[in-house]
């Protein structure tokens, strides 16, 4: 489980394809604190540490993760948002994030707004996911609040600190991002569907 509060930016320094899987070597200041089998979120996708080197570590993204996320877009030199799993008893500064990406979205607008930044995203609502005004959303692993929420589109505001310390500083129109929708909203939607006789 995660909170959507990014700890560090990592950089992909090696990428190896093996059948349907991709192995990534990530250079990160967190590497020295990691252990093999530990979970860490990469752009919001929970992956398992499989190997440790001095200042880097390896993780593997399986075909399912690559299909549902933007991890397949990562190349050598790409930055990636990193968050280790939350500790029991710690503060939940963001919101409850599972590290399970629901789908991707496309950035349709990225603009500076009086010292902060506004990003608008469009997603395929036919997959059944929804946002609500002032509700939580996780974008590339970052816990954020939606506004201008529509059936297939929403906007978020990014403060300067988040902009500078995450991949938002390089995000531009046309880029693909990972979305994890609010778990509480997903349960409510599921229960309403069951009550209507749908599954």
N, C-alpha and C. Protein backbone atom coordinates (compact mmCIF):
# COMPACT_ATOMS: atom_id res chain seq x y z
N UNK A 1 0.83 -1.19 0.00
CA UNK A 1 0.00 0.00 0.00
C UNK A 1 0.88 1.25 0.00
N UNK A 2 0.40 2.30 -0.67
CA UNK A 2 1.16 3.53 -0.82
C UNK A 2 0.29 4.73 -0.48
N UNK A 3 0.90 5.91 -0.52
CA UNK A 3 0.16 7.13 -0.17
C UNK A 3 0.07 8.13 -1.32
N UNK A 4 0.86 7.93 -2.36
CA UNK A 4 0.87 8.88 -3.46
C UNK A 4 1.76 10.09 -3.20
N UNK A 5 2.62 10.00 -2.17
CA UNK A 5 3.60 11.04 -1.88
C UNK A 5 4.96 10.57 -2.40
N UNK A 6 5.44 11.19 -3.46
CA UNK A 6 6.66 10.73 -4.12
C UNK A 6 7.87 11.02 -3.24
N UNK A 7 8.71 10.00 -3.04
CA UNK A 7 9.92 10.15 -2.23
C UNK A 7 11.10 10.66 -3.04
N UNK A 8 11.18 10.20 -4.29
CA UNK A 8 12.38 10.50 -5.06
C UNK A 8 12.11 10.27 -6.54
N UNK A 9 12.91 10.91 -7.36
CA UNK A 9 12.93 10.60 -8.79
C UNK A 9 14.04 9.60 -9.07
N UNK A 10 13.73 8.57 -9.82
CA UNK A 10 14.73 7.63 -10.28
C UNK A 10 14.97 7.81 -11.77
N UNK A 11 16.00 7.19 -12.28
CA UNK A 11 16.30 7.27 -13.70
C UNK A 11 16.56 5.86 -14.24
N UNK A 12 15.93 5.54 -15.34
CA UNK A 12 16.16 4.25 -15.99
C UNK A 12 17.54 4.27 -16.64
N UNK A 13 18.42 3.36 -16.21
CA UNK A 13 19.76 3.32 -16.80
C UNK A 13 19.97 2.06 -17.66
N UNK A 14 19.02 1.12 -17.58
CA UNK A 14 19.08 -0.05 -18.46
C UNK A 14 17.67 -0.61 -18.61
N UNK A 15 17.41 -1.15 -19.78
CA UNK A 15 16.09 -1.72 -20.10
C UNK A 15 16.32 -2.98 -20.92
N UNK A 16 15.84 -4.12 -20.41
CA UNK A 16 16.06 -5.39 -21.10
C UNK A 16 14.73 -6.10 -21.31
N UNK A 17 14.44 -6.42 -22.55
CA UNK A 17 13.23 -7.16 -22.90
C UNK A 17 13.50 -8.65 -22.77
N UNK A 18 12.58 -9.38 -22.15
CA UNK A 18 12.69 -10.84 -22.04
C UNK A 18 11.31 -11.43 -22.28
N UNK A 19 11.08 -11.91 -23.48
CA UNK A 19 9.76 -12.37 -23.91
C UNK A 19 8.75 -11.23 -23.67
N UNK A 20 7.70 -11.47 -22.89
CA UNK A 20 6.69 -10.43 -22.68
C UNK A 20 7.01 -9.49 -21.54
N UNK A 21 8.11 -9.73 -20.83
CA UNK A 21 8.47 -8.92 -19.67
C UNK A 21 9.57 -7.91 -20.03
N UNK A 22 9.65 -6.85 -19.22
CA UNK A 22 10.74 -5.89 -19.36
C UNK A 22 11.40 -5.71 -18.00
N UNK A 23 12.73 -5.84 -17.96
CA UNK A 23 13.50 -5.62 -16.75
C UNK A 23 14.09 -4.20 -16.80
N UNK A 24 13.90 -3.45 -15.74
CA UNK A 24 14.42 -2.09 -15.65
C UNK A 24 15.46 -2.00 -14.55
N UNK A 25 16.58 -1.33 -14.85
CA UNK A 25 17.55 -0.98 -13.82
C UNK A 25 17.36 0.50 -13.51
N UNK A 26 17.10 0.81 -12.24
CA UNK A 26 16.77 2.17 -11.82
C UNK A 26 17.89 2.73 -10.95
N UNK A 27 18.42 3.87 -11.36
CA UNK A 27 19.40 4.59 -10.54
C UNK A 27 18.63 5.49 -9.59
N UNK A 28 18.85 5.33 -8.29
CA UNK A 28 18.07 6.09 -7.31
C UNK A 28 18.82 6.22 -6.00
N UNK A 29 18.61 7.35 -5.33
CA UNK A 29 19.18 7.54 -4.00
C UNK A 29 18.54 6.61 -2.98
N UNK A 30 17.42 5.98 -3.33
CA UNK A 30 16.75 5.04 -2.43
C UNK A 30 17.37 3.64 -2.49
N UNK A 31 18.21 3.39 -3.48
CA UNK A 31 18.71 2.03 -3.72
C UNK A 31 19.37 1.42 -2.49
N UNK A 32 20.14 2.22 -1.75
CA UNK A 32 20.88 1.69 -0.59
C UNK A 32 19.95 1.26 0.54
N UNK A 33 18.70 1.76 0.53
CA UNK A 33 17.75 1.45 1.60
C UNK A 33 16.80 0.31 1.23
N UNK A 34 16.92 -0.22 0.02
CA UNK A 34 15.99 -1.25 -0.45
C UNK A 34 16.50 -2.65 -0.14
N UNK A 35 15.57 -3.59 -0.16
CA UNK A 35 15.89 -5.00 0.00
C UNK A 35 15.24 -5.78 -1.13
N UNK A 36 15.84 -6.90 -1.47
CA UNK A 36 15.24 -7.78 -2.47
C UNK A 36 13.87 -8.26 -1.97
N UNK A 37 12.90 -8.30 -2.85
CA UNK A 37 11.50 -8.66 -2.58
C UNK A 37 10.69 -7.49 -2.04
N UNK A 38 11.31 -6.32 -1.87
CA UNK A 38 10.57 -5.16 -1.38
C UNK A 38 9.75 -4.56 -2.50
N UNK A 39 8.57 -4.01 -2.14
CA UNK A 39 7.70 -3.37 -3.11
C UNK A 39 8.00 -1.88 -3.19
N UNK A 40 8.03 -1.35 -4.41
CA UNK A 40 8.22 0.08 -4.61
C UNK A 40 7.41 0.49 -5.83
N UNK A 41 6.74 1.63 -5.72
CA UNK A 41 5.89 2.10 -6.82
C UNK A 41 6.72 2.91 -7.81
N UNK A 42 6.56 2.59 -9.10
CA UNK A 42 7.24 3.27 -10.19
C UNK A 42 6.16 3.90 -11.07
N UNK A 43 6.07 5.25 -11.05
CA UNK A 43 4.97 5.93 -11.74
C UNK A 43 3.62 5.35 -11.32
N UNK A 44 3.55 4.95 -10.05
CA UNK A 44 2.30 4.43 -9.51
C UNK A 44 2.09 2.95 -9.67
N UNK A 45 3.03 2.24 -10.28
CA UNK A 45 2.91 0.79 -10.48
C UNK A 45 3.77 0.07 -9.45
N UNK A 46 3.17 -0.79 -8.66
CA UNK A 46 3.89 -1.54 -7.64
C UNK A 46 4.71 -2.64 -8.31
N UNK A 47 6.04 -2.58 -8.13
CA UNK A 47 6.96 -3.58 -8.68
C UNK A 47 7.86 -4.10 -7.56
N UNK A 48 8.39 -5.30 -7.74
CA UNK A 48 9.21 -5.95 -6.74
C UNK A 48 10.69 -5.84 -7.09
N UNK A 49 11.49 -5.45 -6.11
CA UNK A 49 12.93 -5.38 -6.30
C UNK A 49 13.48 -6.79 -6.46
N UNK A 50 14.18 -7.04 -7.56
CA UNK A 50 14.69 -8.38 -7.84
C UNK A 50 16.21 -8.50 -7.70
N UNK A 51 16.91 -7.36 -7.78
CA UNK A 51 18.36 -7.38 -7.70
C UNK A 51 18.84 -6.00 -7.25
N UNK A 52 19.92 -5.99 -6.45
CA UNK A 52 20.50 -4.74 -5.96
C UNK A 52 21.93 -4.60 -6.43
N UNK A 53 22.27 -3.41 -6.92
CA UNK A 53 23.64 -3.06 -7.22
C UNK A 53 24.03 -1.90 -6.30
N UNK A 54 25.13 -1.22 -6.53
CA UNK A 54 25.59 -0.18 -5.61
C UNK A 54 24.61 0.98 -5.49
N UNK A 55 24.33 1.64 -6.59
CA UNK A 55 23.45 2.81 -6.56
C UNK A 55 22.20 2.60 -7.41
N UNK A 56 21.90 1.35 -7.71
CA UNK A 56 20.74 1.08 -8.54
C UNK A 56 20.13 -0.27 -8.16
N UNK A 57 18.99 -0.55 -8.71
CA UNK A 57 18.29 -1.81 -8.43
C UNK A 57 17.50 -2.21 -9.67
N UNK A 58 17.08 -3.48 -9.70
CA UNK A 58 16.33 -4.01 -10.83
C UNK A 58 14.91 -4.38 -10.41
N UNK A 59 13.98 -4.12 -11.30
CA UNK A 59 12.59 -4.56 -11.15
C UNK A 59 12.12 -5.13 -12.49
N UNK A 60 11.05 -5.91 -12.45
CA UNK A 60 10.50 -6.51 -13.67
C UNK A 60 9.04 -6.13 -13.81
N UNK A 61 8.68 -5.64 -14.99
CA UNK A 61 7.28 -5.36 -15.32
C UNK A 61 6.77 -6.47 -16.24
N UNK A 62 5.72 -7.14 -15.82
CA UNK A 62 5.16 -8.21 -16.63
C UNK A 62 4.25 -7.63 -17.72
N UNK A 63 3.84 -8.48 -18.63
CA UNK A 63 3.06 -8.04 -19.79
C UNK A 63 1.78 -7.32 -19.37
N UNK A 64 1.10 -7.80 -18.35
CA UNK A 64 -0.14 -7.17 -17.87
C UNK A 64 0.12 -5.74 -17.40
N UNK A 65 1.19 -5.54 -16.65
CA UNK A 65 1.54 -4.19 -16.17
C UNK A 65 1.91 -3.27 -17.33
N UNK A 66 2.62 -3.80 -18.30
CA UNK A 66 3.03 -3.01 -19.45
C UNK A 66 1.82 -2.59 -20.29
N UNK A 67 0.83 -3.48 -20.37
CA UNK A 67 -0.36 -3.20 -21.18
C UNK A 67 -1.24 -2.13 -20.53
N UNK A 68 -1.32 -2.14 -19.20
CA UNK A 68 -2.23 -1.23 -18.51
C UNK A 68 -1.59 0.08 -18.07
N UNK A 69 -0.30 0.23 -18.28
CA UNK A 69 0.40 1.41 -17.76
C UNK A 69 1.30 2.01 -18.84
N UNK A 70 2.03 3.05 -18.46
CA UNK A 70 2.98 3.67 -19.39
C UNK A 70 4.41 3.18 -19.17
N UNK A 71 4.59 2.10 -18.39
CA UNK A 71 5.94 1.61 -18.14
C UNK A 71 6.63 1.18 -19.43
N UNK A 72 5.85 0.69 -20.39
CA UNK A 72 6.44 0.28 -21.66
C UNK A 72 7.01 1.45 -22.44
N UNK A 73 6.61 2.68 -22.09
CA UNK A 73 7.13 3.88 -22.76
C UNK A 73 8.50 4.28 -22.23
N UNK A 74 8.87 3.74 -21.06
CA UNK A 74 10.14 4.14 -20.44
C UNK A 74 11.32 3.62 -21.24
N UNK A 75 12.29 4.50 -21.45
CA UNK A 75 13.52 4.14 -22.14
C UNK A 75 14.71 4.53 -21.26
N UNK A 76 15.89 4.12 -21.65
CA UNK A 76 17.08 4.53 -20.90
C UNK A 76 17.15 6.06 -20.88
N UNK A 77 17.32 6.61 -19.68
CA UNK A 77 17.33 8.05 -19.50
C UNK A 77 16.02 8.62 -19.01
N UNK A 78 14.94 7.83 -19.05
CA UNK A 78 13.64 8.30 -18.57
C UNK A 78 13.63 8.45 -17.05
N UNK A 79 12.99 9.52 -16.58
CA UNK A 79 12.78 9.69 -15.14
C UNK A 79 11.52 8.95 -14.72
N UNK A 80 11.48 8.53 -13.47
CA UNK A 80 10.33 7.80 -12.95
C UNK A 80 10.09 8.19 -11.50
N UNK A 81 8.81 8.39 -11.15
CA UNK A 81 8.43 8.72 -9.77
C UNK A 81 8.52 7.47 -8.90
N UNK A 82 9.14 7.61 -7.72
CA UNK A 82 9.34 6.47 -6.83
C UNK A 82 8.72 6.71 -5.46
N UNK A 83 8.08 5.67 -4.94
CA UNK A 83 7.59 5.69 -3.56
C UNK A 83 7.69 4.29 -2.97
N UNK A 84 8.35 4.19 -1.83
CA UNK A 84 8.35 2.91 -1.12
C UNK A 84 7.00 2.70 -0.45
N UNK A 85 6.67 1.45 -0.13
CA UNK A 85 5.39 1.16 0.52
C UNK A 85 5.32 1.86 1.87
N UNK A 86 4.11 2.21 2.27
CA UNK A 86 3.93 2.96 3.51
C UNK A 86 4.19 2.06 4.71
N UNK A 87 4.60 2.67 5.81
CA UNK A 87 4.86 1.93 7.05
C UNK A 87 3.65 2.00 7.95
N UNK A 88 3.30 0.90 8.58
CA UNK A 88 2.20 0.89 9.55
C UNK A 88 2.50 1.89 10.66
N UNK A 89 1.54 2.70 11.00
CA UNK A 89 1.72 3.69 12.04
C UNK A 89 2.19 5.03 11.53
N UNK A 90 2.51 5.08 10.22
CA UNK A 90 2.94 6.35 9.63
C UNK A 90 1.75 7.20 9.23
N UNK A 91 2.02 8.46 8.92
CA UNK A 91 0.97 9.36 8.49
C UNK A 91 0.57 9.06 7.05
N UNK A 92 -0.72 9.15 6.79
CA UNK A 92 -1.24 9.00 5.43
C UNK A 92 -1.40 10.39 4.84
N UNK A 93 -0.29 10.92 4.30
CA UNK A 93 -0.29 12.31 3.83
C UNK A 93 -1.03 12.49 2.51
N UNK A 94 -1.14 11.45 1.71
CA UNK A 94 -1.87 11.56 0.44
C UNK A 94 -3.23 10.92 0.57
N UNK A 95 -3.43 9.79 -0.12
CA UNK A 95 -4.65 9.00 0.05
C UNK A 95 -4.27 7.53 -0.16
N UNK A 96 -5.20 6.63 0.07
CA UNK A 96 -4.90 5.20 -0.03
C UNK A 96 -4.67 4.84 -1.50
N UNK A 97 -3.45 4.38 -1.79
CA UNK A 97 -3.06 4.00 -3.15
C UNK A 97 -2.56 2.57 -3.12
N UNK A 98 -3.03 1.74 -4.03
CA UNK A 98 -2.66 0.33 -4.03
C UNK A 98 -1.47 0.00 -4.92
N UNK A 99 -1.16 0.90 -5.84
CA UNK A 99 -0.10 0.59 -6.78
C UNK A 99 -0.58 -0.27 -7.94
N UNK A 100 -1.91 -0.27 -8.15
CA UNK A 100 -2.52 -1.03 -9.23
C UNK A 100 -3.14 -0.05 -10.22
N UNK A 101 -2.47 0.20 -11.31
CA UNK A 101 -2.96 1.17 -12.29
C UNK A 101 -4.22 0.64 -12.97
N UNK A 102 -5.25 1.49 -13.05
CA UNK A 102 -6.51 1.10 -13.68
C UNK A 102 -6.48 1.28 -15.19
N UNK A 103 -5.89 2.38 -15.64
CA UNK A 103 -5.79 2.66 -17.06
C UNK A 103 -4.87 3.86 -17.26
N UNK A 104 -4.63 4.20 -18.50
CA UNK A 104 -3.82 5.38 -18.80
C UNK A 104 -4.72 6.51 -19.29
N UNK A 105 -4.14 7.72 -19.31
CA UNK A 105 -4.82 8.90 -19.83
C UNK A 105 -3.82 9.70 -20.65
N UNK A 106 -4.34 10.61 -21.45
CA UNK A 106 -3.50 11.48 -22.26
C UNK A 106 -3.59 12.90 -21.73
N UNK A 107 -2.44 13.54 -21.59
CA UNK A 107 -2.42 14.95 -21.18
C UNK A 107 -2.86 15.80 -22.37
N UNK A 108 -3.95 16.55 -22.19
CA UNK A 108 -4.48 17.38 -23.28
C UNK A 108 -4.15 18.85 -23.10
N UNK A 109 -3.69 19.22 -21.90
CA UNK A 109 -3.31 20.61 -21.65
C UNK A 109 -2.34 20.67 -20.50
N UNK A 110 -1.30 21.48 -20.65
CA UNK A 110 -0.31 21.69 -19.59
C UNK A 110 0.09 23.15 -19.63
N UNK A 111 -0.30 23.89 -18.61
CA UNK A 111 -0.01 25.33 -18.66
C UNK A 111 0.30 25.87 -17.27
N UNK A 112 1.18 26.87 -17.25
CA UNK A 112 1.53 27.57 -16.01
C UNK A 112 0.40 28.53 -15.65
N UNK A 113 0.09 28.63 -14.37
CA UNK A 113 -1.02 29.46 -13.93
C UNK A 113 -0.66 30.20 -12.66
N UNK A 114 -0.07 31.39 -12.83
CA UNK A 114 0.22 32.28 -11.70
C UNK A 114 1.05 31.58 -10.61
N UNK A 115 2.09 30.89 -11.01
CA UNK A 115 3.00 30.26 -10.05
C UNK A 115 2.77 28.79 -9.83
N UNK A 116 1.65 28.26 -10.26
CA UNK A 116 1.41 26.82 -10.20
C UNK A 116 1.15 26.33 -11.63
N UNK A 117 0.80 25.07 -11.79
CA UNK A 117 0.58 24.51 -13.11
C UNK A 117 -0.74 23.75 -13.14
N UNK A 118 -1.44 23.85 -14.25
CA UNK A 118 -2.69 23.14 -14.46
C UNK A 118 -2.51 22.10 -15.56
N UNK A 119 -2.89 20.87 -15.26
CA UNK A 119 -2.81 19.78 -16.23
C UNK A 119 -4.19 19.17 -16.41
N UNK A 120 -4.60 19.01 -17.65
CA UNK A 120 -5.88 18.36 -17.96
C UNK A 120 -5.61 17.03 -18.66
N UNK A 121 -6.39 16.02 -18.29
CA UNK A 121 -6.21 14.67 -18.80
C UNK A 121 -7.53 14.13 -19.34
N UNK A 122 -7.43 13.38 -20.41
CA UNK A 122 -8.59 12.72 -20.99
C UNK A 122 -8.37 11.22 -20.94
N UNK A 123 -9.41 10.48 -20.54
CA UNK A 123 -9.30 9.03 -20.42
C UNK A 123 -10.53 8.37 -21.00
N UNK A 124 -10.44 7.08 -21.22
CA UNK A 124 -11.52 6.30 -21.81
C UNK A 124 -12.52 5.91 -20.72
N UNK A 125 -13.64 6.63 -20.65
CA UNK A 125 -14.63 6.36 -19.60
C UNK A 125 -15.40 5.07 -19.84
N UNK A 126 -15.27 4.50 -21.04
CA UNK A 126 -15.97 3.24 -21.34
C UNK A 126 -15.45 2.09 -20.48
N UNK A 127 -14.27 2.28 -19.86
CA UNK A 127 -13.73 1.24 -18.98
C UNK A 127 -14.39 1.24 -17.61
N UNK A 128 -15.25 2.23 -17.36
CA UNK A 128 -16.06 2.23 -16.14
C UNK A 128 -15.50 3.02 -14.98
N UNK A 129 -14.36 3.67 -15.16
CA UNK A 129 -13.78 4.47 -14.08
C UNK A 129 -14.33 5.89 -14.11
N UNK A 130 -14.44 6.50 -12.92
CA UNK A 130 -15.00 7.84 -12.82
C UNK A 130 -14.17 8.69 -11.86
N UNK A 131 -14.23 9.99 -12.06
CA UNK A 131 -13.70 10.94 -11.09
C UNK A 131 -14.84 11.77 -10.56
N UNK A 132 -14.64 12.40 -9.41
CA UNK A 132 -15.65 13.31 -8.85
C UNK A 132 -14.95 14.61 -8.48
N UNK A 133 -15.72 15.68 -8.46
CA UNK A 133 -15.17 16.98 -8.12
C UNK A 133 -14.57 16.95 -6.72
N UNK A 134 -13.33 17.41 -6.60
CA UNK A 134 -12.56 17.43 -5.36
C UNK A 134 -12.23 16.04 -4.83
N UNK A 135 -12.37 15.03 -5.68
CA UNK A 135 -12.01 13.67 -5.28
C UNK A 135 -10.55 13.38 -5.55
N UNK A 136 -10.07 12.28 -5.00
CA UNK A 136 -8.66 11.91 -5.14
C UNK A 136 -8.42 11.14 -6.43
N UNK A 137 -7.25 11.34 -6.98
CA UNK A 137 -6.78 10.60 -8.15
C UNK A 137 -5.27 10.44 -8.02
N UNK A 138 -4.75 9.33 -8.49
CA UNK A 138 -3.31 9.10 -8.48
C UNK A 138 -2.82 9.12 -9.92
N UNK A 139 -1.93 10.07 -10.24
CA UNK A 139 -1.40 10.23 -11.59
C UNK A 139 0.10 9.98 -11.57
N UNK A 140 0.53 8.95 -12.27
CA UNK A 140 1.95 8.56 -12.26
C UNK A 140 2.48 8.44 -10.83
N UNK A 141 1.62 7.94 -9.95
CA UNK A 141 2.02 7.71 -8.57
C UNK A 141 1.86 8.89 -7.65
N UNK A 142 1.37 10.04 -8.15
CA UNK A 142 1.23 11.25 -7.35
C UNK A 142 -0.22 11.44 -6.91
N UNK A 143 -0.43 11.57 -5.61
CA UNK A 143 -1.77 11.80 -5.06
C UNK A 143 -2.19 13.24 -5.33
N UNK A 144 -3.32 13.40 -6.03
CA UNK A 144 -3.79 14.73 -6.42
C UNK A 144 -5.31 14.82 -6.27
N UNK A 145 -5.82 16.05 -6.40
CA UNK A 145 -7.26 16.31 -6.28
C UNK A 145 -7.81 16.78 -7.61
N UNK A 146 -8.93 16.18 -8.04
CA UNK A 146 -9.55 16.52 -9.31
C UNK A 146 -10.41 17.78 -9.19
N UNK A 147 -10.46 18.54 -10.26
CA UNK A 147 -11.52 19.54 -10.41
C UNK A 147 -11.88 19.62 -11.89
N UNK A 148 -12.94 20.37 -12.22
CA UNK A 148 -13.49 20.35 -13.58
C UNK A 148 -13.70 18.92 -14.04
N UNK A 149 -14.25 18.11 -13.13
CA UNK A 149 -14.44 16.69 -13.41
C UNK A 149 -15.59 16.48 -14.40
N UNK A 150 -15.28 15.81 -15.50
CA UNK A 150 -16.29 15.49 -16.52
C UNK A 150 -16.31 13.98 -16.73
N UNK A 151 -17.14 13.54 -17.67
CA UNK A 151 -17.31 12.10 -17.89
C UNK A 151 -16.02 11.42 -18.29
N UNK A 152 -15.18 12.09 -19.06
CA UNK A 152 -13.95 11.47 -19.53
C UNK A 152 -12.75 12.40 -19.43
N UNK A 153 -12.83 13.40 -18.54
CA UNK A 153 -11.78 14.40 -18.47
C UNK A 153 -11.77 15.03 -17.08
N UNK A 154 -10.61 15.48 -16.65
CA UNK A 154 -10.49 16.19 -15.38
C UNK A 154 -9.21 17.00 -15.40
N UNK A 155 -9.09 17.93 -14.45
CA UNK A 155 -7.93 18.79 -14.33
C UNK A 155 -7.37 18.69 -12.92
N UNK A 156 -6.06 18.85 -12.79
CA UNK A 156 -5.42 18.91 -11.48
C UNK A 156 -4.50 20.14 -11.45
N UNK A 157 -4.29 20.66 -10.25
CA UNK A 157 -3.36 21.78 -10.06
C UNK A 157 -2.12 21.25 -9.34
N UNK A 158 -0.96 21.67 -9.81
CA UNK A 158 0.32 21.20 -9.28
C UNK A 158 1.07 22.38 -8.66
N UNK A 159 1.42 22.24 -7.39
CA UNK A 159 2.18 23.29 -6.72
C UNK A 159 3.65 23.23 -7.17
N UNK A 160 4.40 24.32 -7.01
CA UNK A 160 5.79 24.33 -7.48
C UNK A 160 6.64 23.19 -6.93
N UNK A 161 6.50 22.85 -5.65
CA UNK A 161 7.33 21.78 -5.08
C UNK A 161 7.08 20.46 -5.79
N UNK A 162 5.81 20.10 -5.98
CA UNK A 162 5.47 18.84 -6.65
C UNK A 162 5.96 18.87 -8.09
N UNK A 163 5.81 20.01 -8.75
CA UNK A 163 6.25 20.16 -10.13
C UNK A 163 7.75 19.88 -10.26
N UNK A 164 8.54 20.44 -9.37
CA UNK A 164 9.99 20.33 -9.46
C UNK A 164 10.52 18.97 -9.02
N UNK A 165 9.79 18.26 -8.16
CA UNK A 165 10.31 17.01 -7.58
C UNK A 165 9.64 15.75 -8.13
N UNK A 166 8.89 15.89 -9.21
CA UNK A 166 8.27 14.73 -9.86
C UNK A 166 8.43 14.85 -11.37
N UNK A 167 7.92 13.86 -12.08
CA UNK A 167 8.01 13.88 -13.54
C UNK A 167 7.05 14.89 -14.17
N UNK A 168 6.25 15.59 -13.36
CA UNK A 168 5.36 16.61 -13.92
C UNK A 168 6.17 17.73 -14.60
N UNK A 169 7.40 17.95 -14.17
CA UNK A 169 8.19 19.03 -14.76
C UNK A 169 8.55 18.76 -16.22
N UNK A 170 8.45 17.51 -16.65
CA UNK A 170 8.74 17.18 -18.04
C UNK A 170 7.50 16.72 -18.81
N UNK A 171 6.34 16.73 -18.14
CA UNK A 171 5.10 16.26 -18.77
C UNK A 171 4.57 17.31 -19.74
N UNK A 172 4.17 16.88 -20.91
CA UNK A 172 3.66 17.81 -21.93
C UNK A 172 2.43 17.23 -22.61
N UNK A 173 1.75 18.07 -23.37
CA UNK A 173 0.57 17.63 -24.10
C UNK A 173 0.89 16.43 -24.99
N UNK A 174 0.02 15.45 -24.95
CA UNK A 174 0.20 14.24 -25.75
C UNK A 174 0.86 13.11 -25.00
N UNK A 175 1.45 13.39 -23.84
CA UNK A 175 2.09 12.34 -23.05
C UNK A 175 1.04 11.45 -22.38
N UNK A 176 1.42 10.20 -22.20
CA UNK A 176 0.53 9.22 -21.56
C UNK A 176 0.92 9.06 -20.09
N UNK A 177 -0.09 9.04 -19.20
CA UNK A 177 0.16 8.90 -17.77
C UNK A 177 -0.66 7.73 -17.22
N UNK A 178 -0.22 7.24 -16.05
CA UNK A 178 -0.94 6.18 -15.35
C UNK A 178 -1.98 6.77 -14.42
N UNK A 179 -3.16 6.16 -14.38
CA UNK A 179 -4.21 6.57 -13.47
C UNK A 179 -4.59 5.42 -12.54
N UNK A 180 -4.63 5.73 -11.25
CA UNK A 180 -5.27 4.83 -10.30
C UNK A 180 -6.39 5.62 -9.64
N UNK A 181 -7.62 5.18 -9.85
CA UNK A 181 -8.78 5.88 -9.32
C UNK A 181 -8.97 5.56 -7.84
N UNK A 182 -9.67 6.43 -7.15
CA UNK A 182 -9.85 6.31 -5.70
C UNK A 182 -10.52 4.98 -5.34
N UNK A 183 -9.91 4.21 -4.43
CA UNK A 183 -10.41 2.89 -4.07
C UNK A 183 -11.80 2.95 -3.45
N UNK A 184 -12.08 3.99 -2.67
CA UNK A 184 -13.41 4.12 -2.06
C UNK A 184 -14.46 4.32 -3.14
N UNK A 185 -14.14 5.19 -4.10
CA UNK A 185 -15.07 5.41 -5.21
C UNK A 185 -15.31 4.15 -6.01
N UNK A 186 -14.28 3.33 -6.19
CA UNK A 186 -14.43 2.09 -6.95
C UNK A 186 -15.35 1.11 -6.23
N UNK A 187 -15.23 1.04 -4.90
CA UNK A 187 -16.11 0.15 -4.13
C UNK A 187 -17.56 0.63 -4.19
N UNK A 188 -17.77 1.95 -4.06
CA UNK A 188 -19.12 2.50 -4.13
C UNK A 188 -19.74 2.21 -5.49
N UNK A 189 -18.95 2.44 -6.54
CA UNK A 189 -19.45 2.18 -7.89
C UNK A 189 -19.79 0.71 -8.07
N UNK A 190 -18.96 -0.17 -7.52
CA UNK A 190 -19.21 -1.60 -7.62
C UNK A 190 -20.49 -2.00 -6.90
N UNK A 191 -20.70 -1.47 -5.71
CA UNK A 191 -21.89 -1.80 -4.94
C UNK A 191 -23.15 -1.30 -5.62
N UNK A 192 -23.08 -0.11 -6.21
CA UNK A 192 -24.23 0.43 -6.93
C UNK A 192 -24.54 -0.43 -8.14
N UNK A 193 -23.50 -0.91 -8.82
CA UNK A 193 -23.71 -1.79 -9.97
C UNK A 193 -24.34 -3.10 -9.59
N UNK A 194 -23.90 -3.67 -8.45
CA UNK A 194 -24.50 -4.92 -7.99
C UNK A 194 -25.95 -4.73 -7.60
N UNK A 195 -26.25 -3.57 -7.00
CA UNK A 195 -27.63 -3.28 -6.61
C UNK A 195 -28.55 -3.14 -7.80
N UNK A 196 -27.99 -2.78 -8.97
CA UNK A 196 -28.77 -2.64 -10.19
C UNK A 196 -28.81 -3.94 -11.00
N UNK A 197 -28.24 -4.99 -10.41
CA UNK A 197 -28.24 -6.27 -11.08
C UNK A 197 -27.15 -6.43 -12.11
N UNK A 198 -26.14 -5.52 -12.08
CA UNK A 198 -25.05 -5.63 -13.03
C UNK A 198 -23.80 -6.05 -12.29
N UNK A 199 -22.78 -6.46 -13.03
CA UNK A 199 -21.54 -6.93 -12.41
C UNK A 199 -20.35 -6.23 -13.02
